[in-house]
């Protein structure tokens, strides 16, 4: 007799509806978490970022400048186009007084007297780097010889600043000296 009582059937129906609601809420929670993770990955891929790589470098010691020619590649692994607004050569050195110093030297103009590099492969800021692309080329820097006279060079670093203000760096390993023959 109790099996035909309407209150029992109402309780069973309410329990089934609440169980179904709990299952749907759990599945919605899982879908929302996956969607959030995908949106975070997409946002990371749309954040501006440049990757620099050093290939080779030369220095030609002239008077009054040392001219550095560096072959670098600049990659854009993101989903948005980017551009290099500024390229600097950071020279870390120690003068005779043995304190650490550094100077950032901007990329030189095309009309300098450094190692002979074809103009077709020069990188001169501002420089566009499309999404998922890499540009490779030579960058020239002129450093006054008087600045580094009697100094010990601790290292060279290329610093690229993009149009969003983000910086990327790469340290130089070996820079060969070019001598006029």
Protein backbone atom coordinates (compact mmCIF):
# COMPACT_ATOMS: atom_id res chain seq x y z
CA UNK A 1 0.00 0.00 0.00
CA UNK A 2 2.83 2.36 0.70
CA UNK A 3 4.16 1.73 -2.81
CA UNK A 4 1.09 3.42 -4.25
CA UNK A 5 1.30 6.34 -1.91
CA UNK A 6 1.88 9.61 -3.87
CA UNK A 7 4.36 11.04 -1.34
CA UNK A 8 6.80 8.17 -1.99
CA UNK A 9 6.68 8.71 -5.75
CA UNK A 10 7.15 12.44 -5.30
CA UNK A 11 10.21 11.78 -3.09
CA UNK A 12 11.65 9.33 -5.63
CA UNK A 13 11.07 11.80 -8.49
CA UNK A 14 12.67 14.63 -6.48
CA UNK A 15 15.71 12.45 -5.70
CA UNK A 16 16.07 11.50 -9.38
CA UNK A 17 15.76 15.14 -10.50
CA UNK A 18 18.32 16.31 -7.91
CA UNK A 19 20.74 13.50 -8.92
CA UNK A 20 20.37 14.49 -12.57
CA UNK A 21 20.93 18.15 -11.64
CA UNK A 22 24.09 17.23 -9.72
CA UNK A 23 25.39 15.24 -12.72
CA UNK A 24 24.68 18.14 -15.10
CA UNK A 25 26.37 20.60 -12.69
CA UNK A 26 29.46 18.36 -12.49
CA UNK A 27 29.67 18.03 -16.27
CA UNK A 28 29.23 21.80 -16.66
CA UNK A 29 32.06 22.35 -14.16
CA UNK A 30 34.38 20.09 -16.19
CA UNK A 31 33.52 21.82 -19.46
CA UNK A 32 34.06 25.25 -17.85
CA UNK A 33 37.49 24.21 -16.53
CA UNK A 34 38.55 22.93 -19.96
CA UNK A 35 37.28 26.13 -21.57
CA UNK A 36 39.20 28.26 -19.05
CA UNK A 37 42.40 26.29 -19.68
CA UNK A 38 42.01 26.71 -23.46
CA UNK A 39 41.35 30.44 -23.07
CA UNK A 40 44.46 30.82 -20.90
CA UNK A 41 46.56 28.99 -23.51
CA UNK A 42 45.13 31.24 -26.23
CA UNK A 43 45.90 34.35 -24.17
CA UNK A 44 49.48 33.11 -23.66
CA UNK A 45 49.87 32.60 -27.41
CA UNK A 46 48.59 36.13 -28.07
CA UNK A 47 50.96 37.78 -25.58
CA UNK A 48 53.81 39.55 -27.40
CA UNK A 49 57.16 37.77 -27.19
CA UNK A 50 60.31 37.65 -29.29
CA UNK A 51 63.09 35.06 -29.19
CA UNK A 52 66.63 36.06 -30.16
CA UNK A 53 69.41 33.79 -31.32
CA UNK A 54 73.05 34.70 -31.98
CA UNK A 55 74.66 33.09 -35.04
CA UNK A 56 78.06 34.79 -35.45
CA UNK A 57 79.76 38.12 -34.97
CA UNK A 58 82.67 40.25 -36.11
CA UNK A 59 84.33 43.38 -34.83
CA UNK A 60 86.41 45.76 -36.89
CA UNK A 61 88.55 48.11 -34.83
CA UNK A 62 88.71 51.49 -36.54
CA UNK A 63 89.51 54.93 -35.29
CA UNK A 64 87.38 56.39 -33.61
CA UNK A 65 84.93 53.44 -33.42
CA UNK A 66 84.86 49.69 -33.04
CA UNK A 67 82.20 48.45 -35.43
CA UNK A 68 80.40 45.25 -34.46
CA UNK A 69 78.51 43.22 -37.08
CA UNK A 70 76.32 40.51 -35.53
CA UNK A 71 74.25 37.90 -37.34
CA UNK A 72 71.11 37.29 -35.29
CA UNK A 73 67.72 35.70 -35.80
CA UNK A 74 64.54 37.10 -34.28
CA UNK A 75 61.58 34.71 -33.95
CA UNK A 76 57.98 35.47 -33.11
CA UNK A 77 56.37 32.28 -31.69
CA UNK A 78 53.04 33.99 -30.92
CA UNK A 79 49.76 34.28 -32.82
CA UNK A 80 50.07 38.05 -33.33
CA UNK A 81 52.38 40.15 -35.46
CA UNK A 82 55.08 42.04 -33.60
CA UNK A 83 57.85 44.46 -34.41
CA UNK A 84 61.29 45.27 -33.09
CA UNK A 85 61.32 48.92 -32.10
CA UNK A 86 64.92 49.05 -30.89
CA UNK A 87 68.06 46.91 -31.01
CA UNK A 88 70.92 47.63 -28.62
CA UNK A 89 74.30 46.08 -27.96
CA UNK A 90 74.92 45.93 -24.21
CA UNK A 91 78.64 45.97 -23.44
CA UNK A 92 79.61 44.98 -19.90
CA UNK A 93 83.14 46.03 -19.01
CA UNK A 94 85.56 46.83 -16.19
CA UNK A 95 87.72 49.94 -16.41
CA UNK A 96 91.12 50.17 -14.74
CA UNK A 97 89.43 51.05 -11.42
CA UNK A 98 87.84 47.54 -11.58
CA UNK A 99 84.18 48.42 -11.05
CA UNK A 100 81.44 46.85 -13.18
CA UNK A 101 79.97 49.09 -15.85
CA UNK A 102 77.75 48.65 -18.85
CA UNK A 103 76.60 50.69 -21.78
CA UNK A 104 73.74 50.09 -24.24
CA UNK A 105 74.69 51.11 -27.78
CA UNK A 106 71.87 51.50 -30.34
CA UNK A 107 72.05 49.86 -33.76
CA UNK A 108 74.18 51.89 -36.20
CA UNK A 109 73.07 53.50 -39.43
CA UNK A 110 73.75 51.81 -42.76
CA UNK A 111 76.60 54.15 -43.71
CA UNK A 112 79.31 52.99 -41.32
CA UNK A 113 82.72 51.53 -42.02
CA UNK A 114 82.41 48.08 -40.49
CA UNK A 115 82.79 44.63 -41.97
CA UNK A 116 81.32 44.40 -45.48
CA UNK A 117 77.80 42.98 -45.16
CA UNK A 118 75.32 43.03 -48.06
CA UNK A 119 72.57 45.58 -47.47
CA UNK A 120 69.92 42.98 -48.37
CA UNK A 121 70.52 41.06 -45.15
CA UNK A 122 70.75 43.96 -42.68
CA UNK A 123 68.26 44.29 -39.86
CA UNK A 124 67.42 47.90 -39.13
CA UNK A 125 64.74 48.83 -36.57
CA UNK A 126 61.83 49.29 -36.74
CA UNK A 127 61.47 45.77 -38.06
CA UNK A 128 58.26 43.78 -38.56
CA UNK A 129 58.20 40.14 -37.43
CA UNK A 130 55.00 38.37 -38.51
CA UNK A 131 53.28 35.77 -36.33
CA UNK A 132 55.10 32.40 -36.28
CA UNK A 133 57.92 33.80 -38.45
CA UNK A 134 61.67 34.35 -38.10
CA UNK A 135 63.85 37.05 -39.60
CA UNK A 136 67.61 36.63 -39.90
CA UNK A 137 70.13 39.32 -40.68
CA UNK A 138 73.12 41.39 -39.69
CA UNK A 139 72.96 44.24 -37.21
CA UNK A 140 75.75 46.80 -36.86
CA UNK A 141 76.77 48.71 -33.76
CA UNK A 142 79.41 51.44 -33.36
CA UNK A 143 81.15 51.75 -29.99
CA UNK A 144 83.59 54.62 -29.39
CA UNK A 145 87.07 53.21 -28.83
CA UNK A 146 87.76 55.82 -26.14
CA UNK A 147 84.91 54.37 -24.06
CA UNK A 148 86.51 50.93 -23.84
CA UNK A 149 90.17 52.04 -23.76
CA UNK A 150 92.14 50.02 -21.16
CA UNK A 151 88.98 48.12 -20.16
CA UNK A 152 88.35 44.42 -19.71
CA UNK A 153 85.22 43.29 -21.58
CA UNK A 154 83.03 41.00 -19.46
CA UNK A 155 80.40 40.29 -22.10
CA UNK A 156 78.19 41.37 -24.95
CA UNK A 157 74.39 41.07 -25.07
CA UNK A 158 71.95 42.04 -27.80
CA UNK A 159 68.79 43.59 -26.36
CA UNK A 160 65.67 43.78 -28.54
CA UNK A 161 62.74 45.92 -27.41
CA UNK A 162 59.44 45.33 -29.18
CA UNK A 163 56.63 47.79 -29.84
CA UNK A 164 54.90 46.69 -26.62
CA UNK A 165 57.92 47.52 -24.44
CA UNK A 166 58.88 43.87 -23.87
CA UNK A 167 62.60 43.08 -24.01
CA UNK A 168 64.39 39.96 -25.20
CA UNK A 169 68.11 39.31 -24.90
CA UNK A 170 70.80 36.99 -26.20
CA UNK A 171 74.40 36.84 -25.02
CA UNK A 172 77.29 36.60 -27.47
CA UNK A 173 79.67 33.71 -27.26
CA UNK A 174 82.52 34.56 -29.66
CA UNK A 175 83.10 37.69 -31.71
CA UNK A 176 85.93 37.49 -34.25
CA UNK A 177 88.10 40.45 -35.12
CA UNK A 178 88.30 41.54 -38.78
CA UNK A 179 91.70 42.92 -39.83
CA UNK A 180 92.31 44.91 -43.04
CA UNK A 181 94.88 43.22 -45.23
